[in-house]
Amino acid sequence: RLVGAAAAALVATAALVDLDGWADRLQATVTGGPRPDDRLVIWRETMPIVQDFWLAGTGAGTYGTAMLAYQQARIWVPHLAGWAHFNQAHNHALQVLAEGG
């Protein structure tokens, strides 16, 4: 009975998940495509902040402001008709290191 309920929950979850979107994001993370949500680029751009502010960080909620000075990547976002600004690290631990030291 428990196995049947677990299987039904798994099927229901799989039906609700955007598998194509998830696969695209996973591929972008691994291959490093020129997209604003490309996590490898964001993580690489975050490391200088972590190195420069290793003791105390930049302060809670200041990641986006710090990236105004540290972001080097210029990624065009067609649907926004503008350049991407990294306002979060897309990695909780890395953002905590950047903001909190």
PDB file of N, CA and C in Angstrom:
ATOM      1  N   ARG A   1       0.814  -1.190   0.000  1.00  0.00           N
ATOM      2  CA  ARG A   1       0.000   0.000   0.000  1.00  0.00           C
ATOM      3  C   ARG A   1       0.869   1.269   0.000  1.00  0.00           C
ATOM      4  N   LEU A   2       1.899   1.265   0.834  1.00  0.00           N
ATOM      5  CA  LEU A   2       2.810   2.400   0.913  1.00  0.00           C
ATOM      6  C   LEU A   2       3.587   2.566  -0.390  1.00  0.00           C
ATOM      7  N   VAL A   3       3.988   1.450  -0.982  1.00  0.00           N
ATOM      8  CA  VAL A   3       4.723   1.498  -2.249  1.00  0.00           C
ATOM      9  C   VAL A   3       3.832   2.060  -3.350  1.00  0.00           C
ATOM     10  N   GLY A   4       2.575   1.695  -3.349  1.00  0.00           N
ATOM     11  CA  GLY A   4       1.631   2.207  -4.342  1.00  0.00           C
ATOM     12  C   GLY A   4       1.430   3.705  -4.205  1.00  0.00           C
ATOM     13  N   ALA A   5       1.340   4.192  -2.967  1.00  0.00           N
ATOM     14  CA  ALA A   5       1.177   5.627  -2.733  1.00  0.00           C
ATOM     15  C   ALA A   5       2.430   6.382  -3.166  1.00  0.00           C
ATOM     16  N   ALA A   6       3.591   5.812  -2.873  1.00  0.00           N
ATOM     17  CA  ALA A   6       4.846   6.450  -3.277  1.00  0.00           C
ATOM     18  C   ALA A   6       4.953   6.495  -4.801  1.00  0.00           C
ATOM     19  N   ALA A   7       4.567   5.427  -5.464  1.00  0.00           N
ATOM     20  CA  ALA A   7       4.613   5.389  -6.927  1.00  0.00           C
ATOM     21  C   ALA A   7       3.646   6.411  -7.523  1.00  0.00           C
ATOM     22  N   ALA A   8       2.461   6.531  -6.938  1.00  0.00           N
ATOM     23  CA  ALA A   8       1.488   7.512  -7.431  1.00  0.00           C
ATOM     24  C   ALA A   8       2.013   8.927  -7.239  1.00  0.00           C
ATOM     25  N   ALA A   9       2.656   9.187  -6.105  1.00  0.00           N
ATOM     26  CA  ALA A   9       3.223  10.515  -5.853  1.00  0.00           C
ATOM     27  C   ALA A   9       4.334  10.815  -6.847  1.00  0.00           C
ATOM     28  N   LEU A  10       5.147   9.828  -7.151  1.00  0.00           N
ATOM     29  CA  LEU A  10       6.233  10.000  -8.105  1.00  0.00           C
ATOM     30  C   LEU A  10       5.693  10.306  -9.506  1.00  0.00           C
ATOM     31  N   VAL A  11       4.664   9.590  -9.910  1.00  0.00           N
ATOM     32  CA  VAL A  11       4.054   9.825 -11.223  1.00  0.00           C
ATOM     33  C   VAL A  11       3.429  11.217 -11.272  1.00  0.00           C
ATOM     34  N   ALA A  12       2.734  11.613 -10.211  1.00  0.00           N
ATOM     35  CA  ALA A  12       2.110  12.940 -10.174  1.00  0.00           C
ATOM     36  C   ALA A  12       3.168  14.032 -10.226  1.00  0.00           C
ATOM     37  N   THR A  13       4.268  13.862  -9.499  1.00  0.00           N
ATOM     38  CA  THR A  13       5.353  14.845  -9.508  1.00  0.00           C
ATOM     39  C   THR A  13       5.971  14.936 -10.894  1.00  0.00           C
ATOM     40  N   ALA A  14       6.223  13.801 -11.520  1.00  0.00           N
ATOM     41  CA  ALA A  14       6.817  13.786 -12.860  1.00  0.00           C
ATOM     42  C   ALA A  14       5.900  14.469 -13.873  1.00  0.00           C
ATOM     43  N   ALA A  15       4.607  14.348 -13.678  1.00  0.00           N
ATOM     44  CA  ALA A  15       3.662  14.980 -14.602  1.00  0.00           C
ATOM     45  C   ALA A  15       3.659  16.502 -14.452  1.00  0.00           C
ATOM     46  N   LEU A  16       3.978  16.992 -13.269  1.00  0.00           N
ATOM     47  CA  LEU A  16       3.946  18.428 -13.013  1.00  0.00           C
ATOM     48  C   LEU A  16       5.267  19.131 -13.282  1.00  0.00           C
ATOM     49  N   VAL A  17       6.352  18.371 -13.380  1.00  0.00           N
ATOM     50  CA  VAL A  17       7.679  18.963 -13.558  1.00  0.00           C
ATOM     51  C   VAL A  17       7.923  19.265 -15.040  1.00  0.00           C
ATOM     52  N   ASP A  18       8.496  20.417 -15.312  1.00  0.00           N
ATOM     53  CA  ASP A  18       8.868  20.802 -16.668  1.00  0.00           C
ATOM     54  C   ASP A  18      10.205  20.132 -17.003  1.00  0.00           C
ATOM     55  N   LEU A  19      10.145  18.905 -17.480  1.00  0.00           N
ATOM     56  CA  LEU A  19      11.364  18.135 -17.725  1.00  0.00           C
ATOM     57  C   LEU A  19      12.240  18.766 -18.803  1.00  0.00           C
ATOM     58  N   ASP A  20      11.641  19.338 -19.838  1.00  0.00           N
ATOM     59  CA  ASP A  20      12.439  19.978 -20.885  1.00  0.00           C
ATOM     60  C   ASP A  20      13.183  21.193 -20.343  1.00  0.00           C
ATOM     61  N   GLY A  21      12.499  22.014 -19.571  1.00  0.00           N
ATOM     62  CA  GLY A  21      13.140  23.181 -18.974  1.00  0.00           C
ATOM     63  C   GLY A  21      14.255  22.778 -18.022  1.00  0.00           C
ATOM     64  N   TRP A  22      13.989  21.746 -17.230  1.00  0.00           N
ATOM     65  CA  TRP A  22      14.996  21.243 -16.293  1.00  0.00           C
ATOM     66  C   TRP A  22      16.212  20.711 -17.048  1.00  0.00           C
ATOM     67  N   ALA A  23      15.978  19.982 -18.110  1.00  0.00           N
ATOM     68  CA  ALA A  23      17.081  19.435 -18.906  1.00  0.00           C
ATOM     69  C   ALA A  23      17.890  20.552 -19.563  1.00  0.00           C
ATOM     70  N   ASP A  24      17.217  21.600 -20.060  1.00  0.00           N
ATOM     71  CA  ASP A  24      17.928  22.740 -20.652  1.00  0.00           C
ATOM     72  C   ASP A  24      18.815  23.436 -19.630  1.00  0.00           C
ATOM     73  N   ARG A  25      18.296  23.648 -18.427  1.00  0.00           N
ATOM     74  CA  ARG A  25      19.083  24.311 -17.384  1.00  0.00           C
ATOM     75  C   ARG A  25      20.264  23.447 -16.968  1.00  0.00           C
ATOM     76  N   LEU A  26      20.046  22.137 -16.872  1.00  0.00           N
ATOM     77  CA  LEU A  26      21.136  21.234 -16.511  1.00  0.00           C
ATOM     78  C   LEU A  26      22.212  21.251 -17.589  1.00  0.00           C
ATOM     79  N   GLN A  27      21.805  21.216 -18.845  1.00  0.00           N
ATOM     80  CA  GLN A  27      22.776  21.251 -19.940  1.00  0.00           C
ATOM     81  C   GLN A  27      23.538  22.568 -19.949  1.00  0.00           C
ATOM     82  N   ALA A  28      22.857  23.685 -19.707  1.00  0.00           N
ATOM     83  CA  ALA A  28      23.531  24.987 -19.667  1.00  0.00           C
ATOM     84  C   ALA A  28      24.539  25.047 -18.527  1.00  0.00           C
ATOM     85  N   THR A  29      24.210  24.414 -17.397  1.00  0.00           N
ATOM     86  CA  THR A  29      25.129  24.391 -16.265  1.00  0.00           C
ATOM     87  C   THR A  29      26.383  23.603 -16.612  1.00  0.00           C
ATOM     88  N   VAL A  30      26.203  22.478 -17.284  1.00  0.00           N
ATOM     89  CA  VAL A  30      27.339  21.607 -17.596  1.00  0.00           C
ATOM     90  C   VAL A  30      28.172  22.149 -18.755  1.00  0.00           C
ATOM     91  N   THR A  31      27.515  22.621 -19.811  1.00  0.00           N
ATOM     92  CA  THR A  31      28.250  23.029 -21.006  1.00  0.00           C
ATOM     93  C   THR A  31      28.653  24.497 -21.001  1.00  0.00           C
ATOM     94  N   GLY A  32      28.006  25.302 -20.209  1.00  0.00           N
ATOM     95  CA  GLY A  32      28.380  26.710 -20.136  1.00  0.00           C
ATOM     96  C   GLY A  32      27.988  27.505 -21.363  1.00  0.00           C
ATOM     97  N   GLY A  33      26.717  27.507 -21.708  1.00  0.00           N
ATOM     98  CA  GLY A  33      26.245  28.291 -22.843  1.00  0.00           C
ATOM     99  C   GLY A  33      26.109  29.766 -22.479  1.00  0.00           C
ATOM    100  N   PRO A  34      26.050  30.648 -23.463  1.00  0.00           N
ATOM    101  CA  PRO A  34      25.974  32.088 -23.207  1.00  0.00           C
ATOM    102  C   PRO A  34      24.563  32.532 -22.843  1.00  0.00           C
ATOM    103  N   ARG A  35      24.072  32.092 -21.692  1.00  0.00           N
ATOM    104  CA  ARG A  35      22.742  32.454 -21.222  1.00  0.00           C
ATOM    105  C   ARG A  35      22.874  33.152 -19.874  1.00  0.00           C
ATOM    106  N   PRO A  36      21.974  34.073 -19.552  1.00  0.00           N
ATOM    107  CA  PRO A  36      22.096  34.804 -18.292  1.00  0.00           C
ATOM    108  C   PRO A  36      21.994  33.918 -17.067  1.00  0.00           C
ATOM    109  N   ASP A  37      21.389  32.746 -17.206  1.00  0.00           N
ATOM    110  CA  ASP A  37      21.302  31.854 -16.057  1.00  0.00           C
ATOM    111  C   ASP A  37      22.391  30.785 -16.085  1.00  0.00           C
ATOM    112  N   ASP A  38      23.429  31.012 -16.837  1.00  0.00           N
ATOM    113  CA  ASP A  38      24.547  30.082 -16.924  1.00  0.00           C
ATOM    114  C   ASP A  38      25.300  30.097 -15.597  1.00  0.00           C
ATOM    115  N   ARG A  39      25.056  29.113 -14.809  1.00  0.00           N
ATOM    116  CA  ARG A  39      25.587  29.087 -13.460  1.00  0.00           C
ATOM    117  C   ARG A  39      27.108  29.055 -13.392  1.00  0.00           C
ATOM    118  N   LEU A  40      27.749  28.376 -14.308  1.00  0.00           N
ATOM    119  CA  LEU A  40      29.216  28.324 -14.261  1.00  0.00           C
ATOM    120  C   LEU A  40      29.833  29.710 -14.421  1.00  0.00           C
ATOM    121  N   VAL A  41      29.268  30.519 -15.298  1.00  0.00           N
ATOM    122  CA  VAL A  41      29.760  31.885 -15.476  1.00  0.00           C
ATOM    123  C   VAL A  41      29.514  32.693 -14.209  1.00  0.00           C
ATOM    124  N   ILE A  42      28.325  32.582 -13.658  1.00  0.00           N
ATOM    125  CA  ILE A  42      27.984  33.325 -12.447  1.00  0.00           C
ATOM    126  C   ILE A  42      28.896  32.900 -11.299  1.00  0.00           C
ATOM    127  N   TRP A  43      29.111  31.608 -11.128  1.00  0.00           N
ATOM    128  CA  TRP A  43      29.962  31.127 -10.040  1.00  0.00           C
ATOM    129  C   TRP A  43      31.403  31.619 -10.223  1.00  0.00           C
ATOM    130  N   ARG A  44      31.891  31.574 -11.454  1.00  0.00           N
ATOM    131  CA  ARG A  44      33.254  32.032 -11.728  1.00  0.00           C
ATOM    132  C   ARG A  44      33.381  33.535 -11.434  1.00  0.00           C
ATOM    133  N   GLU A  45      32.363  34.297 -11.771  1.00  0.00           N
ATOM    134  CA  GLU A  45      32.384  35.732 -11.528  1.00  0.00           C
ATOM    135  C   GLU A  45      32.233  36.067 -10.040  1.00  0.00           C
ATOM    136  N   THR A  46      31.691  35.146  -9.263  1.00  0.00           N
ATOM    137  CA  THR A  46      31.506  35.361  -7.825  1.00  0.00           C
ATOM    138  C   THR A  46      32.790  35.133  -7.040  1.00  0.00           C
ATOM    139  N   MET A  47      33.658  34.276  -7.533  1.00  0.00           N
ATOM    140  CA  MET A  47      34.863  33.912  -6.766  1.00  0.00           C
ATOM    141  C   MET A  47      35.747  35.106  -6.397  1.00  0.00           C
ATOM    142  N   PRO A  48      35.954  36.116  -7.249  1.00  0.00           N
ATOM    143  CA  PRO A  48      36.754  37.268  -6.816  1.00  0.00           C
ATOM    144  C   PRO A  48      36.150  38.006  -5.615  1.00  0.00           C
ATOM    145  N   ILE A  49      34.821  38.041  -5.529  1.00  0.00           N
ATOM    146  CA  ILE A  49      34.182  38.661  -4.363  1.00  0.00           C
ATOM    147  C   ILE A  49      34.514  37.867  -3.112  1.00  0.00           C
ATOM    148  N   VAL A  50      34.386  36.546  -3.218  1.00  0.00           N
ATOM    149  CA  VAL A  50      34.680  35.677  -2.076  1.00  0.00           C
ATOM    150  C   VAL A  50      36.135  35.852  -1.649  1.00  0.00           C
ATOM    151  N   GLN A  51      37.037  35.943  -2.610  1.00  0.00           N
ATOM    152  CA  GLN A  51      38.458  36.104  -2.288  1.00  0.00           C
ATOM    153  C   GLN A  51      38.757  37.470  -1.683  1.00  0.00           C
ATOM    154  N   ASP A  52      38.148  38.520  -2.198  1.00  0.00           N
ATOM    155  CA  ASP A  52      38.428  39.867  -1.705  1.00  0.00           C
ATOM    156  C   ASP A  52      37.773  40.163  -0.356  1.00  0.00           C
ATOM    157  N   PHE A  53      36.635  39.527  -0.085  1.00  0.00           N
ATOM    158  CA  PHE A  53      35.900  39.782   1.155  1.00  0.00           C
ATOM    159  C   PHE A  53      35.770  38.508   1.979  1.00  0.00           C
ATOM    160  N   TRP A  54      36.843  37.733   2.067  1.00  0.00           N
ATOM    161  CA  TRP A  54      36.819  36.417   2.700  1.00  0.00           C
ATOM    162  C   TRP A  54      36.499  36.485   4.191  1.00  0.00           C
ATOM    163  N   LEU A  55      36.841  37.558   4.857  1.00  0.00           N
ATOM    164  CA  LEU A  55      36.659  37.610   6.302  1.00  0.00           C
ATOM    165  C   LEU A  55      35.214  37.923   6.697  1.00  0.00           C
ATOM    166  N   ALA A  56      34.651  38.964   6.165  1.00  0.00           N
ATOM    167  CA  ALA A  56      33.321  39.395   6.603  1.00  0.00           C
ATOM    168  C   ALA A  56      32.286  39.449   5.488  1.00  0.00           C
ATOM    169  N   GLY A  57      32.689  39.219   4.246  1.00  0.00           N
ATOM    170  CA  GLY A  57      31.759  39.297   3.135  1.00  0.00           C
ATOM    171  C   GLY A  57      31.408  40.734   2.800  1.00  0.00           C
ATOM    172  N   THR A  58      30.533  40.902   1.832  1.00  0.00           N
ATOM    173  CA  THR A  58      30.138  42.239   1.401  1.00  0.00           C
ATOM    174  C   THR A  58      28.950  42.772   2.185  1.00  0.00           C
ATOM    175  N   GLY A  59      28.292  41.909   2.926  1.00  0.00           N
ATOM    176  CA  GLY A  59      27.118  42.301   3.707  1.00  0.00           C
ATOM    177  C   GLY A  59      25.871  41.613   3.185  1.00  0.00           C
ATOM    178  N   ALA A  60      24.944  41.344   4.080  1.00  0.00           N
ATOM    179  CA  ALA A  60      23.707  40.649   3.706  1.00  0.00           C
ATOM    180  C   ALA A  60      22.922  41.457   2.677  1.00  0.00           C
ATOM    181  N   GLY A  61      22.530  40.789   1.613  1.00  0.00           N
ATOM    182  CA  GLY A  61      21.722  41.415   0.581  1.00  0.00           C
ATOM    183  C   GLY A  61      22.475  42.325  -0.376  1.00  0.00           C
ATOM    184  N   THR A  62      23.808  42.237  -0.393  1.00  0.00           N
ATOM    185  CA  THR A  62      24.595  43.142  -1.242  1.00  0.00           C
ATOM    186  C   THR A  62      25.208  42.464  -2.458  1.00  0.00           C
ATOM    187  N   TYR A  63      24.833  41.235  -2.733  1.00  0.00           N
ATOM    188  CA  TYR A  63      25.439  40.507  -3.856  1.00  0.00           C
ATOM    189  C   TYR A  63      25.272  41.273  -5.170  1.00  0.00           C
ATOM    190  N   GLY A  64      24.046  41.700  -5.467  1.00  0.00           N
ATOM    191  CA  GLY A  64      23.785  42.419  -6.719  1.00  0.00           C
ATOM    192  C   GLY A  64      24.579  43.709  -6.828  1.00  0.00           C
ATOM    193  N   THR A  65      24.702  44.412  -5.728  1.00  0.00           N
ATOM    194  CA  THR A  65      25.484  45.653  -5.720  1.00  0.00           C
ATOM    195  C   THR A  65      26.959  45.361  -5.946  1.00  0.00           C
ATOM    196  N   ALA A  66      27.475  44.322  -5.294  1.00  0.00           N
ATOM    197  CA  ALA A  66      28.882  43.951  -5.478  1.00  0.00           C
ATOM    198  C   ALA A  66      29.154  43.550  -6.923  1.00  0.00           C
ATOM    199  N   MET A  67      28.197  42.899  -7.555  1.00  0.00           N
ATOM    200  CA  MET A  67      28.390  42.466  -8.934  1.00  0.00           C
ATOM    201  C   MET A  67      28.443  43.642  -9.908  1.00  0.00           C
ATOM    202  N   LEU A  68      27.942  44.804  -9.510  1.00  0.00           N
ATOM    203  CA  LEU A  68      28.083  45.982 -10.370  1.00  0.00           C
ATOM    204  C   LEU A  68      29.555  46.284 -10.607  1.00  0.00           C
ATOM    205  N   ALA A  69      30.391  46.001  -9.620  1.00  0.00           N
ATOM    206  CA  ALA A  69      31.831  46.233  -9.755  1.00  0.00           C
ATOM    207  C   ALA A  69      32.587  44.993 -10.241  1.00  0.00           C
ATOM    208  N   TYR A  70      32.094  43.801  -9.923  1.00  0.00           N
ATOM    209  CA  TYR A  70      32.857  42.583 -10.198  1.00  0.00           C
ATOM    210  C   TYR A  70      32.460  41.856 -11.480  1.00  0.00           C
ATOM    211  N   GLN A  71      31.237  41.996 -11.942  1.00  0.00           N
ATOM    212  CA  GLN A  71      30.788  41.238 -13.114  1.00  0.00           C
ATOM    213  C   GLN A  71      31.550  41.672 -14.354  1.00  0.00           C
ATOM    214  N   GLN A  72      32.148  40.712 -15.036  1.00  0.00           N
ATOM    215  CA  GLN A  72      32.878  40.953 -16.282  1.00  0.00           C
ATOM    216  C   GLN A  72      32.121  40.433 -17.505  1.00  0.00           C
ATOM    217  N   ALA A  73      31.338  39.383 -17.324  1.00  0.00           N
ATOM    218  CA  ALA A  73      30.613  38.773 -18.443  1.00  0.00           C
ATOM    219  C   ALA A  73      29.522  39.708 -18.944  1.00  0.00           C
ATOM    220  N   ARG A  74      29.447  39.822 -20.240  1.00  0.00           N
ATOM    221  CA  ARG A  74      28.384  40.613 -20.869  1.00  0.00           C
ATOM    222  C   ARG A  74      27.554  39.653 -21.701  1.00  0.00           C
ATOM    223  N   ILE A  75      26.354  39.401 -21.217  1.00  0.00           N
ATOM    224  CA  ILE A  75      25.457  38.463 -21.872  1.00  0.00           C
ATOM    225  C   ILE A  75      24.187  39.206 -22.260  1.00  0.00           C
ATOM    226  N   TRP A  76      23.902  39.230 -23.541  1.00  0.00           N
ATOM    227  CA  TRP A  76      22.722  39.910 -24.056  1.00  0.00           C
ATOM    228  C   TRP A  76      21.487  39.046 -23.832  1.00  0.00           C
ATOM    229  N   VAL A  77      20.433  39.639 -23.328  1.00  0.00           N
ATOM    230  CA  VAL A  77      19.175  38.933 -23.089  1.00  0.00           C
ATOM    231  C   VAL A  77      18.149  39.499 -24.062  1.00  0.00           C
ATOM    232  N   PRO A  78      17.870  38.779 -25.165  1.00  0.00           N
ATOM    233  CA  PRO A  78      17.006  39.313 -26.217  1.00  0.00           C
ATOM    234  C   PRO A  78      15.615  39.738 -25.740  1.00  0.00           C
ATOM    235  N   HIS A  79      14.974  38.928 -24.902  1.00  0.00           N
ATOM    236  CA  HIS A  79      13.607  39.279 -24.497  1.00  0.00           C
ATOM    237  C   HIS A  79      13.570  40.489 -23.565  1.00  0.00           C
ATOM    238  N   LEU A  80      14.687  40.858 -22.984  1.00  0.00           N
ATOM    239  CA  LEU A  80      14.767  42.078 -22.179  1.00  0.00           C
ATOM    240  C   LEU A  80      15.374  43.237 -22.965  1.00  0.00           C
ATOM    241  N   ALA A  81      15.950  42.918 -24.119  1.00  0.00           N
ATOM    242  CA  ALA A  81      16.656  43.902 -24.943  1.00  0.00           C
ATOM    243  C   ALA A  81      17.698  44.643 -24.121  1.00  0.00           C
ATOM    244  N   GLY A  82      18.453  43.854 -23.357  1.00  0.00           N
ATOM    245  CA  GLY A  82      19.490  44.451 -22.521  1.00  0.00           C
ATOM    246  C   GLY A  82      20.488  43.409 -22.042  1.00  0.00           C
ATOM    247  N   TRP A  83      21.479  43.880 -21.319  1.00  0.00           N
ATOM    248  CA  TRP A  83      22.528  43.005 -20.796  1.00  0.00           C
ATOM    249  C   TRP A  83      22.099  42.412 -19.464  1.00  0.00           C
ATOM    250  N   ALA A  84      22.529  41.190 -19.202  1.00  0.00           N
ATOM    251  CA  ALA A  84      22.207  40.517 -17.938  1.00  0.00           C
ATOM    252  C   ALA A  84      23.047  41.088 -16.811  1.00  0.00           C
ATOM    253  N   HIS A  85      22.419  41.271 -15.672  1.00  0.00           N
ATOM    254  CA  HIS A  85      23.127  41.654 -14.444  1.00  0.00           C
ATOM    255  C   HIS A  85      22.919  40.528 -13.454  1.00  0.00           C
ATOM    256  N   PHE A  86      24.004  39.980 -12.927  1.00  0.00           N
ATOM    257  CA  PHE A  86      23.901  38.881 -11.975  1.00  0.00           C
ATOM    258  C   PHE A  86      23.559  39.457 -10.606  1.00  0.00           C
ATOM    259  N   ASN A  87      22.318  39.237 -10.158  1.00  0.00           N
ATOM    260  CA  ASN A  87      21.911  39.762  -8.867  1.00  0.00           C
ATOM    261  C   ASN A  87      21.798  38.683  -7.796  1.00  0.00           C
ATOM    262  N   GLN A  88      22.125  37.449  -8.164  1.00  0.00           N
ATOM    263  CA  GLN A  88      22.217  36.356  -7.209  1.00  0.00           C
ATOM    264  C   GLN A  88      23.167  35.308  -7.743  1.00  0.00           C
ATOM    265  N   ALA A  89      23.760  34.546  -6.826  1.00  0.00           N
ATOM    266  CA  ALA A  89      24.806  33.600  -7.205  1.00  0.00           C
ATOM    267  C   ALA A  89      24.266  32.287  -7.766  1.00  0.00           C
ATOM    268  N   HIS A  90      22.983  32.031  -7.621  1.00  0.00           N
ATOM    269  CA  HIS A  90      22.389  30.760  -8.060  1.00  0.00           C
ATOM    270  C   HIS A  90      23.077  29.570  -7.389  1.00  0.00           C
ATOM    271  N   ASN A  91      23.610  29.813  -6.211  1.00  0.00           N
ATOM    272  CA  ASN A  91      24.212  28.773  -5.365  1.00  0.00           C
ATOM    273  C   ASN A  91      24.196  29.345  -3.959  1.00  0.00           C
ATOM    274  N   HIS A  92      23.383  28.756  -3.097  1.00  0.00           N
ATOM    275  CA  HIS A  92      23.177  29.327  -1.772  1.00  0.00           C
ATOM    276  C   HIS A  92      24.479  29.465  -0.987  1.00  0.00           C
ATOM    277  N   ALA A  93      25.277  28.416  -0.964  1.00  0.00           N
ATOM    278  CA  ALA A  93      26.525  28.452  -0.197  1.00  0.00           C
ATOM    279  C   ALA A  93      27.471  29.523  -0.723  1.00  0.00           C
ATOM    280  N   LEU A  94      27.575  29.633  -2.036  1.00  0.00           N
ATOM    281  CA  LEU A  94      28.463  30.624  -2.636  1.00  0.00           C
ATOM    282  C   LEU A  94      27.979  32.047  -2.346  1.00  0.00           C
ATOM    283  N   GLN A  95      26.677  32.255  -2.388  1.00  0.00           N
ATOM    284  CA  GLN A  95      26.149  33.589  -2.085  1.00  0.00           C
ATOM    285  C   GLN A  95      26.373  33.932  -0.608  1.00  0.00           C
ATOM    286  N   VAL A  96      26.222  32.962   0.276  1.00  0.00           N
ATOM    287  CA  VAL A  96      26.487  33.193   1.701  1.00  0.00           C
ATOM    288  C   VAL A  96      27.950  33.547   1.907  1.00  0.00           C
ATOM    289  N   LEU A  97      28.858  32.856   1.196  1.00  0.00           N
ATOM    290  CA  LEU A  97      30.275  33.200   1.302  1.00  0.00           C
ATOM    291  C   LEU A  97      30.559  34.612   0.807  1.00  0.00           C
ATOM    292  N   ALA A  98      29.945  35.000  -0.298  1.00  0.00           N
ATOM    293  CA  ALA A  98      30.170  36.330  -0.856  1.00  0.00           C
ATOM    294  C   ALA A  98      29.626  37.429   0.061  1.00  0.00           C
ATOM    295  N   GLU A  99      28.444  37.199   0.608  1.00  0.00           N
ATOM    296  CA  GLU A  99      27.804  38.228   1.416  1.00  0.00           C
ATOM    297  C   GLU A  99      28.209  38.172   2.891  1.00  0.00           C
ATOM    298  N   GLY A 100      28.571  36.990   3.368  1.00  0.00           N
ATOM    299  CA  GLY A 100      28.811  36.850   4.805  1.00  0.00           C
ATOM    300  C   GLY A 100      30.219  36.481   5.199  1.00  0.00           C
ATOM    301  N   GLY A 101      31.082  36.212   4.235  1.00  0.00           N
ATOM    302  CA  GLY A 101      32.468  35.882   4.553  1.00  0.00           C
ATOM    303  C   GLY A 101      32.689  34.455   4.910  1.00  0.00           C
TER     304      GLY A 101
END
